Amino acid sequence: MALGDKPKAAQYPGMSDSAYHVQAEWDAEAGVWLSSSNIPGLVIEAATLPEFVELVSALAPELLAENLGVQGRVPLELRAHGLIELAVA
């Protein structure tokens, strides 16, 4: 893969089984997105989903390198689950 190329999902068969993952769960009571992950030390709380993704993008590479010695490009599966209430006219 050339520098700057984006990895394709097909390059990571069985992604859920072998990839690092981060799950964003909406906590309606607290009004924040909370993380669960298989990346040691990664704990995220964010008010918005874009902020959550930004924090994952900034912190996950550091923690993978420091805590697990991971280098290079690795797949990261990001899942979000929440329930929002819509006002329908």
PDB file of N, CA and C in Angstrom:
ATOM      1  N   MET A   1       0.851  -1.175   0.000  1.00  0.00           N
ATOM      2  CA  MET A   1       0.000   0.000   0.000  1.00  0.00           C
ATOM      3  C   MET A   1       0.889   1.229   0.000  1.00  0.00           C
ATOM      4  N   ALA A   2       0.614   2.137  -0.888  1.00  0.00           N
ATOM      5  CA  ALA A   2       1.404   3.366  -1.001  1.00  0.00           C
ATOM      6  C   ALA A   2       1.016   4.341   0.102  1.00  0.00           C
ATOM      7  N   LEU A   3       1.962   5.174   0.474  1.00  0.00           N
ATOM      8  CA  LEU A   3       1.713   6.186   1.478  1.00  0.00           C
ATOM      9  C   LEU A   3       0.534   7.060   1.048  1.00  0.00           C
ATOM     10  N   GLY A   4      -0.402   7.260   1.925  1.00  0.00           N
ATOM     11  CA  GLY A   4      -1.564   8.081   1.605  1.00  0.00           C
ATOM     12  C   GLY A   4      -2.755   7.283   1.117  1.00  0.00           C
ATOM     13  N   ASP A   5      -2.539   6.013   0.702  1.00  0.00           N
ATOM     14  CA  ASP A   5      -3.662   5.173   0.295  1.00  0.00           C
ATOM     15  C   ASP A   5      -4.474   4.804   1.525  1.00  0.00           C
ATOM     16  N   LYS A   6      -5.774   4.751   1.367  1.00  0.00           N
ATOM     17  CA  LYS A   6      -6.623   4.347   2.482  1.00  0.00           C
ATOM     18  C   LYS A   6      -6.787   2.833   2.447  1.00  0.00           C
ATOM     19  N   PRO A   7      -6.729   2.178   3.613  1.00  0.00           N
ATOM     20  CA  PRO A   7      -6.934   0.733   3.627  1.00  0.00           C
ATOM     21  C   PRO A   7      -8.358   0.393   3.238  1.00  0.00           C
ATOM     22  N   LYS A   8      -8.536  -0.718   2.547  1.00  0.00           N
ATOM     23  CA  LYS A   8      -9.851  -1.180   2.143  1.00  0.00           C
ATOM     24  C   LYS A   8     -10.276  -2.299   3.081  1.00  0.00           C
ATOM     25  N   ALA A   9     -11.569  -2.365   3.389  1.00  0.00           N
ATOM     26  CA  ALA A   9     -12.073  -3.368   4.319  1.00  0.00           C
ATOM     27  C   ALA A   9     -11.717  -4.774   3.856  1.00  0.00           C
ATOM     28  N   ALA A  10     -11.666  -5.003   2.532  1.00  0.00           N
ATOM     29  CA  ALA A  10     -11.350  -6.329   2.010  1.00  0.00           C
ATOM     30  C   ALA A  10      -9.947  -6.780   2.405  1.00  0.00           C
ATOM     31  N   GLN A  11      -9.073  -5.853   2.747  1.00  0.00           N
ATOM     32  CA  GLN A  11      -7.718  -6.207   3.164  1.00  0.00           C
ATOM     33  C   GLN A  11      -7.718  -6.802   4.559  1.00  0.00           C
ATOM     34  N   TYR A  12      -8.815  -6.694   5.273  1.00  0.00           N
ATOM     35  CA  TYR A  12      -8.887  -7.147   6.660  1.00  0.00           C
ATOM     36  C   TYR A  12     -10.044  -8.120   6.841  1.00  0.00           C
ATOM     37  N   PRO A  13      -9.915  -9.338   6.268  1.00  0.00           N
ATOM     38  CA  PRO A  13     -11.009 -10.299   6.419  1.00  0.00           C
ATOM     39  C   PRO A  13     -11.258 -10.591   7.896  1.00  0.00           C
ATOM     40  N   GLY A  14     -12.507 -10.804   8.259  1.00  0.00           N
ATOM     41  CA  GLY A  14     -12.853 -11.084   9.647  1.00  0.00           C
ATOM     42  C   GLY A  14     -12.534  -9.925  10.566  1.00  0.00           C
ATOM     43  N   MET A  15     -12.704  -8.710  10.071  1.00  0.00           N
ATOM     44  CA  MET A  15     -12.290  -7.515  10.794  1.00  0.00           C
ATOM     45  C   MET A  15     -12.757  -7.508  12.248  1.00  0.00           C
ATOM     46  N   SER A  16     -13.976  -7.898  12.514  1.00  0.00           N
ATOM     47  CA  SER A  16     -14.486  -7.879  13.881  1.00  0.00           C
ATOM     48  C   SER A  16     -13.696  -8.792  14.807  1.00  0.00           C
ATOM     49  N   ASP A  17     -13.151  -9.862  14.272  1.00  0.00           N
ATOM     50  CA  ASP A  17     -12.427 -10.825  15.090  1.00  0.00           C
ATOM     51  C   ASP A  17     -10.984 -10.421  15.345  1.00  0.00           C
ATOM     52  N   SER A  18     -10.355  -9.709  14.400  1.00  0.00           N
ATOM     53  CA  SER A  18      -8.923  -9.487  14.520  1.00  0.00           C
ATOM     54  C   SER A  18      -8.516  -8.030  14.685  1.00  0.00           C
ATOM     55  N   ALA A  19      -9.394  -7.109  14.370  1.00  0.00           N
ATOM     56  CA  ALA A  19      -9.041  -5.694  14.407  1.00  0.00           C
ATOM     57  C   ALA A  19      -9.169  -5.132  15.809  1.00  0.00           C
ATOM     58  N   TYR A  20      -8.533  -4.042  16.004  1.00  0.00           N
ATOM     59  CA  TYR A  20      -8.792  -3.259  17.208  1.00  0.00           C
ATOM     60  C   TYR A  20     -10.145  -2.597  17.009  1.00  0.00           C
ATOM     61  N   HIS A  21     -10.870  -2.411  18.086  1.00  0.00           N
ATOM     62  CA  HIS A  21     -12.184  -1.804  17.950  1.00  0.00           C
ATOM     63  C   HIS A  21     -12.445  -0.805  19.067  1.00  0.00           C
ATOM     64  N   VAL A  22     -13.317   0.129  18.743  1.00  0.00           N
ATOM     65  CA  VAL A  22     -13.802   1.111  19.712  1.00  0.00           C
ATOM     66  C   VAL A  22     -15.312   1.193  19.525  1.00  0.00           C
ATOM     67  N   GLN A  23     -16.031   1.096  20.623  1.00  0.00           N
ATOM     68  CA  GLN A  23     -17.484   1.191  20.610  1.00  0.00           C
ATOM     69  C   GLN A  23     -17.879   2.494  21.296  1.00  0.00           C
ATOM     70  N   ALA A  24     -18.709   3.285  20.644  1.00  0.00           N
ATOM     71  CA  ALA A  24     -19.249   4.509  21.232  1.00  0.00           C
ATOM     72  C   ALA A  24     -20.684   4.215  21.657  1.00  0.00           C
ATOM     73  N   GLU A  25     -20.968   4.391  22.932  1.00  0.00           N
ATOM     74  CA  GLU A  25     -22.323   4.190  23.463  1.00  0.00           C
ATOM     75  C   GLU A  25     -22.842   5.522  23.985  1.00  0.00           C
ATOM     76  N   TRP A  26     -24.047   5.882  23.591  1.00  0.00           N
ATOM     77  CA  TRP A  26     -24.653   7.128  24.030  1.00  0.00           C
ATOM     78  C   TRP A  26     -25.222   6.954  25.433  1.00  0.00           C
ATOM     79  N   ASP A  27     -24.810   7.799  26.353  1.00  0.00           N
ATOM     80  CA  ASP A  27     -25.349   7.830  27.712  1.00  0.00           C
ATOM     81  C   ASP A  27     -26.296   9.027  27.780  1.00  0.00           C
ATOM     82  N   ALA A  28     -27.580   8.764  27.633  1.00  0.00           N
ATOM     83  CA  ALA A  28     -28.573   9.841  27.577  1.00  0.00           C
ATOM     84  C   ALA A  28     -28.633  10.627  28.876  1.00  0.00           C
ATOM     85  N   GLU A  29     -28.464   9.947  29.989  1.00  0.00           N
ATOM     86  CA  GLU A  29     -28.526  10.623  31.283  1.00  0.00           C
ATOM     87  C   GLU A  29     -27.399  11.646  31.440  1.00  0.00           C
ATOM     88  N   ALA A  30     -26.187  11.245  31.027  1.00  0.00           N
ATOM     89  CA  ALA A  30     -25.024  12.141  31.129  1.00  0.00           C
ATOM     90  C   ALA A  30     -24.912  13.057  29.913  1.00  0.00           C
ATOM     91  N   GLY A  31     -25.562  12.694  28.804  1.00  0.00           N
ATOM     92  CA  GLY A  31     -25.496  13.499  27.586  1.00  0.00           C
ATOM     93  C   GLY A  31     -24.147  13.428  26.895  1.00  0.00           C
ATOM     94  N   VAL A  32     -23.493  12.240  26.953  1.00  0.00           N
ATOM     95  CA  VAL A  32     -22.177  12.073  26.329  1.00  0.00           C
ATOM     96  C   VAL A  32     -22.054  10.701  25.678  1.00  0.00           C
ATOM     97  N   TRP A  33     -21.098  10.608  24.756  1.00  0.00           N
ATOM     98  CA  TRP A  33     -20.700   9.341  24.160  1.00  0.00           C
ATOM     99  C   TRP A  33     -19.569   8.773  25.010  1.00  0.00           C
ATOM    100  N   LEU A  34     -19.688   7.500  25.396  1.00  0.00           N
ATOM    101  CA  LEU A  34     -18.673   6.825  26.207  1.00  0.00           C
ATOM    102  C   LEU A  34     -18.064   5.677  25.412  1.00  0.00           C
ATOM    103  N   SER A  35     -16.798   5.403  25.663  1.00  0.00           N
ATOM    104  CA  SER A  35     -16.107   4.368  24.898  1.00  0.00           C
ATOM    105  C   SER A  35     -15.965   3.062  25.655  1.00  0.00           C
ATOM    106  N   SER A  36     -15.918   1.990  24.884  1.00  0.00           N
ATOM    107  CA  SER A  36     -15.402   0.709  25.338  1.00  0.00           C
ATOM    108  C   SER A  36     -14.511   0.247  24.192  1.00  0.00           C
ATOM    109  N   SER A  37     -13.409  -0.419  24.521  1.00  0.00           N
ATOM    110  CA  SER A  37     -12.432  -0.731  23.493  1.00  0.00           C
ATOM    111  C   SER A  37     -11.527  -1.866  23.930  1.00  0.00           C
ATOM    112  N   ASN A  38     -10.877  -2.495  22.942  1.00  0.00           N
ATOM    113  CA  ASN A  38      -9.848  -3.484  23.260  1.00  0.00           C
ATOM    114  C   ASN A  38      -8.453  -2.870  23.164  1.00  0.00           C
ATOM    115  N   ILE A  39      -8.377  -1.551  23.157  1.00  0.00           N
ATOM    116  CA  ILE A  39      -7.098  -0.842  23.179  1.00  0.00           C
ATOM    117  C   ILE A  39      -6.825  -0.440  24.625  1.00  0.00           C
ATOM    118  N   PRO A  40      -5.801  -1.030  25.245  1.00  0.00           N
ATOM    119  CA  PRO A  40      -5.520  -0.727  26.645  1.00  0.00           C
ATOM    120  C   PRO A  40      -5.305   0.767  26.886  1.00  0.00           C
ATOM    121  N   GLY A  41      -6.020   1.288  27.890  1.00  0.00           N
ATOM    122  CA  GLY A  41      -5.858   2.687  28.271  1.00  0.00           C
ATOM    123  C   GLY A  41      -6.753   3.662  27.543  1.00  0.00           C
ATOM    124  N   LEU A  42      -7.478   3.217  26.524  1.00  0.00           N
ATOM    125  CA  LEU A  42      -8.323   4.140  25.762  1.00  0.00           C
ATOM    126  C   LEU A  42      -9.667   4.314  26.460  1.00  0.00           C
ATOM    127  N   VAL A  43      -9.871   5.489  27.018  1.00  0.00           N
ATOM    128  CA  VAL A  43     -11.124   5.840  27.680  1.00  0.00           C
ATOM    129  C   VAL A  43     -11.526   7.211  27.156  1.00  0.00           C
ATOM    130  N   ILE A  44     -12.679   7.265  26.506  1.00  0.00           N
ATOM    131  CA  ILE A  44     -13.110   8.516  25.870  1.00  0.00           C
ATOM    132  C   ILE A  44     -14.526   8.855  26.315  1.00  0.00           C
ATOM    133  N   GLU A  45     -14.741  10.134  26.553  1.00  0.00           N
ATOM    134  CA  GLU A  45     -16.054  10.696  26.828  1.00  0.00           C
ATOM    135  C   GLU A  45     -16.154  11.964  25.998  1.00  0.00           C
ATOM    136  N   ALA A  46     -17.190  12.064  25.166  1.00  0.00           N
ATOM    137  CA  ALA A  46     -17.322  13.229  24.294  1.00  0.00           C
ATOM    138  C   ALA A  46     -18.784  13.623  24.152  1.00  0.00           C
ATOM    139  N   ALA A  47     -19.012  14.916  23.987  1.00  0.00           N
ATOM    140  CA  ALA A  47     -20.373  15.439  23.873  1.00  0.00           C
ATOM    141  C   ALA A  47     -21.001  15.143  22.515  1.00  0.00           C
ATOM    142  N   THR A  48     -20.163  15.027  21.476  1.00  0.00           N
ATOM    143  CA  THR A  48     -20.687  14.769  20.134  1.00  0.00           C
ATOM    144  C   THR A  48     -19.953  13.593  19.510  1.00  0.00           C
ATOM    145  N   LEU A  49     -20.585  12.973  18.530  1.00  0.00           N
ATOM    146  CA  LEU A  49     -19.943  11.860  17.837  1.00  0.00           C
ATOM    147  C   LEU A  49     -18.716  12.319  17.039  1.00  0.00           C
ATOM    148  N   PRO A  50     -18.768  13.469  16.336  1.00  0.00           N
ATOM    149  CA  PRO A  50     -17.555  13.934  15.653  1.00  0.00           C
ATOM    150  C   PRO A  50     -16.387  14.177  16.620  1.00  0.00           C
ATOM    151  N   GLU A  51     -16.676  14.709  17.800  1.00  0.00           N
ATOM    152  CA  GLU A  51     -15.633  14.911  18.803  1.00  0.00           C
ATOM    153  C   GLU A  51     -15.079  13.560  19.267  1.00  0.00           C
ATOM    154  N   PHE A  52     -15.956  12.582  19.434  1.00  0.00           N
ATOM    155  CA  PHE A  52     -15.543  11.240  19.828  1.00  0.00           C
ATOM    156  C   PHE A  52     -14.566  10.656  18.804  1.00  0.00           C
ATOM    157  N   VAL A  53     -14.934  10.748  17.530  1.00  0.00           N
ATOM    158  CA  VAL A  53     -14.080  10.221  16.451  1.00  0.00           C
ATOM    159  C   VAL A  53     -12.741  10.947  16.422  1.00  0.00           C
ATOM    160  N   GLU A  54     -12.760  12.255  16.624  1.00  0.00           N
ATOM    161  CA  GLU A  54     -11.522  13.038  16.652  1.00  0.00           C
ATOM    162  C   GLU A  54     -10.607  12.562  17.788  1.00  0.00           C
ATOM    163  N   LEU A  55     -11.176  12.323  18.951  1.00  0.00           N
ATOM    164  CA  LEU A  55     -10.383  11.851  20.083  1.00  0.00           C
ATOM    165  C   LEU A  55      -9.823  10.449  19.832  1.00  0.00           C
ATOM    166  N   VAL A  56     -10.632   9.566  19.257  1.00  0.00           N
ATOM    167  CA  VAL A  56     -10.147   8.221  18.912  1.00  0.00           C
ATOM    168  C   VAL A  56      -8.973   8.329  17.948  1.00  0.00           C
ATOM    169  N   SER A  57      -9.114   9.158  16.929  1.00  0.00           N
ATOM    170  CA  SER A  57      -8.061   9.323  15.917  1.00  0.00           C
ATOM    171  C   SER A  57      -6.768   9.862  16.510  1.00  0.00           C
ATOM    172  N   ALA A  58      -6.886  10.688  17.535  1.00  0.00           N
ATOM    173  CA  ALA A  58      -5.702  11.274  18.165  1.00  0.00           C
ATOM    174  C   ALA A  58      -5.073  10.349  19.196  1.00  0.00           C
ATOM    175  N   LEU A  59      -5.898   9.676  19.992  1.00  0.00           N
ATOM    176  CA  LEU A  59      -5.383   8.906  21.122  1.00  0.00           C
ATOM    177  C   LEU A  59      -5.049   7.453  20.807  1.00  0.00           C
ATOM    178  N   ALA A  60      -5.839   6.802  19.957  1.00  0.00           N
ATOM    179  CA  ALA A  60      -5.627   5.374  19.682  1.00  0.00           C
ATOM    180  C   ALA A  60      -4.231   5.074  19.133  1.00  0.00           C
ATOM    181  N   PRO A  61      -3.709   5.820  18.154  1.00  0.00           N
ATOM    182  CA  PRO A  61      -2.366   5.510  17.653  1.00  0.00           C
ATOM    183  C   PRO A  61      -1.290   5.607  18.743  1.00  0.00           C
ATOM    184  N   GLU A  62      -1.402   6.623  19.596  1.00  0.00           N
ATOM    185  CA  GLU A  62      -0.437   6.772  20.689  1.00  0.00           C
ATOM    186  C   GLU A  62      -0.482   5.582  21.631  1.00  0.00           C
ATOM    187  N   LEU A  63      -1.689   5.180  22.019  1.00  0.00           N
ATOM    188  CA  LEU A  63      -1.835   4.079  22.965  1.00  0.00           C
ATOM    189  C   LEU A  63      -1.440   2.743  22.357  1.00  0.00           C
ATOM    190  N   LEU A  64      -1.755   2.535  21.076  1.00  0.00           N
ATOM    191  CA  LEU A  64      -1.335   1.298  20.408  1.00  0.00           C
ATOM    192  C   LEU A  64       0.188   1.193  20.368  1.00  0.00           C
ATOM    193  N   ALA A  65       0.849   2.297  20.088  1.00  0.00           N
ATOM    194  CA  ALA A  65       2.310   2.308  20.030  1.00  0.00           C
ATOM    195  C   ALA A  65       2.921   2.135  21.411  1.00  0.00           C
ATOM    196  N   GLU A  66       2.451   2.919  22.374  1.00  0.00           N
ATOM    197  CA  GLU A  66       3.045   2.913  23.713  1.00  0.00           C
ATOM    198  C   GLU A  66       2.737   1.641  24.495  1.00  0.00           C
ATOM    199  N   ASN A  67       1.499   1.179  24.444  1.00  0.00           N
ATOM    200  CA  ASN A  67       1.092   0.054  25.283  1.00  0.00           C
ATOM    201  C   ASN A  67       1.265  -1.313  24.642  1.00  0.00           C
ATOM    202  N   LEU A  68       1.226  -1.359  23.297  1.00  0.00           N
ATOM    203  CA  LEU A  68       1.287  -2.650  22.622  1.00  0.00           C
ATOM    204  C   LEU A  68       2.441  -2.768  21.629  1.00  0.00           C
ATOM    205  N   GLY A  69       3.179  -1.688  21.405  1.00  0.00           N
ATOM    206  CA  GLY A  69       4.291  -1.724  20.460  1.00  0.00           C
ATOM    207  C   GLY A  69       3.857  -1.850  19.010  1.00  0.00           C
ATOM    208  N   VAL A  70       2.624  -1.475  18.712  1.00  0.00           N
ATOM    209  CA  VAL A  70       2.096  -1.564  17.347  1.00  0.00           C
ATOM    210  C   VAL A  70       2.667  -0.432  16.515  1.00  0.00           C
ATOM    211  N   GLN A  71       3.034  -0.750  15.270  1.00  0.00           N
ATOM    212  CA  GLN A  71       3.530   0.261  14.340  1.00  0.00           C
ATOM    213  C   GLN A  71       2.874   0.065  12.984  1.00  0.00           C
ATOM    214  N   GLY A  72       2.901   1.097  12.166  1.00  0.00           N
ATOM    215  CA  GLY A  72       2.349   1.003  10.814  1.00  0.00           C
ATOM    216  C   GLY A  72       0.847   1.188  10.808  1.00  0.00           C
ATOM    217  N   ARG A  73       0.245   0.794   9.698  1.00  0.00           N
ATOM    218  CA  ARG A  73      -1.200   0.951   9.524  1.00  0.00           C
ATOM    219  C   ARG A  73      -1.912  -0.265  10.112  1.00  0.00           C
ATOM    220  N   VAL A  74      -2.948  -0.019  10.883  1.00  0.00           N
ATOM    221  CA  VAL A  74      -3.748  -1.105  11.449  1.00  0.00           C
ATOM    222  C   VAL A  74      -5.226  -0.772  11.284  1.00  0.00           C
ATOM    223  N   PRO A  75      -6.061  -1.784  11.116  1.00  0.00           N
ATOM    224  CA  PRO A  75      -7.496  -1.516  11.018  1.00  0.00           C
ATOM    225  C   PRO A  75      -8.063  -1.185  12.394  1.00  0.00           C
ATOM    226  N   LEU A  76      -8.993  -0.272  12.423  1.00  0.00           N
ATOM    227  CA  LEU A  76      -9.693   0.074  13.651  1.00  0.00           C
ATOM    228  C   LEU A  76     -11.180   0.111  13.323  1.00  0.00           C
ATOM    229  N   GLU A  77     -11.919  -0.788  13.928  1.00  0.00           N
ATOM    230  CA  GLU A  77     -13.359  -0.823  13.705  1.00  0.00           C
ATOM    231  C   GLU A  77     -14.015   0.103  14.720  1.00  0.00           C
ATOM    232  N   LEU A  78     -14.772   1.074  14.226  1.00  0.00           N
ATOM    233  CA  LEU A  78     -15.463   2.042  15.077  1.00  0.00           C
ATOM    234  C   LEU A  78     -16.956   1.805  14.945  1.00  0.00           C
ATOM    235  N   ARG A  79     -17.603   1.565  16.076  1.00  0.00           N
ATOM    236  CA  ARG A  79     -19.050   1.335  16.093  1.00  0.00           C
ATOM    237  C   ARG A  79     -19.691   2.352  17.027  1.00  0.00           C
ATOM    238  N   ALA A  80     -20.864   2.824  16.659  1.00  0.00           N
ATOM    239  CA  ALA A  80     -21.604   3.754  17.518  1.00  0.00           C
ATOM    240  C   ALA A  80     -23.015   3.228  17.695  1.00  0.00           C
ATOM    241  N   HIS A  81     -23.501   3.324  18.921  1.00  0.00           N
ATOM    242  CA  HIS A  81     -24.851   2.864  19.214  1.00  0.00           C
ATOM    243  C   HIS A  81     -25.496   3.847  20.178  1.00  0.00           C
ATOM    244  N   GLY A  82     -26.652   4.308  19.794  1.00  0.00           N
ATOM    245  CA  GLY A  82     -27.365   5.216  20.666  1.00  0.00           C
ATOM    246  C   GLY A  82     -28.801   5.362  20.219  1.00  0.00           C
ATOM    247  N   LEU A  83     -29.584   5.957  21.057  1.00  0.00           N
ATOM    248  CA  LEU A  83     -30.972   6.198  20.744  1.00  0.00           C
ATOM    249  C   LEU A  83     -31.231   7.687  20.907  1.00  0.00           C
ATOM    250  N   ILE A  84     -31.769   8.296  19.879  1.00  0.00           N
ATOM    251  CA  ILE A  84     -32.099   9.706  19.965  1.00  0.00           C
ATOM    252  C   ILE A  84     -33.603   9.856  19.787  1.00  0.00           C
ATOM    253  N   GLU A  85     -34.129  10.887  20.357  1.00  0.00           N
ATOM    254  CA  GLU A  85     -35.552  11.173  20.236  1.00  0.00           C
ATOM    255  C   GLU A  85     -35.736  12.280  19.222  1.00  0.00           C
ATOM    256  N   LEU A  86     -36.565  12.029  18.231  1.00  0.00           N
ATOM    257  CA  LEU A  86     -36.814  13.009  17.178  1.00  0.00           C
ATOM    258  C   LEU A  86     -38.162  13.680  17.390  1.00  0.00           C
ATOM    259  N   ALA A  87     -38.226  14.956  17.092  1.00  0.00           N
ATOM    260  CA  ALA A  87     -39.480  15.680  17.113  1.00  0.00           C
ATOM    261  C   ALA A  87     -39.981  15.716  15.671  1.00  0.00           C
ATOM    262  N   VAL A  88     -41.057  15.014  15.404  1.00  0.00           N
ATOM    263  CA  VAL A  88     -41.592  14.921  14.050  1.00  0.00           C
ATOM    264  C   VAL A  88     -42.855  15.777  13.986  1.00  0.00           C
ATOM    265  N   ALA A  89     -42.898  16.687  13.016  1.00  0.00           N
ATOM    266  CA  ALA A  89     -44.043  17.595  12.884  1.00  0.00           C
ATOM    267  C   ALA A  89     -45.185  16.932  12.171  1.00  0.00           C
TER     268      ALA A  89
END
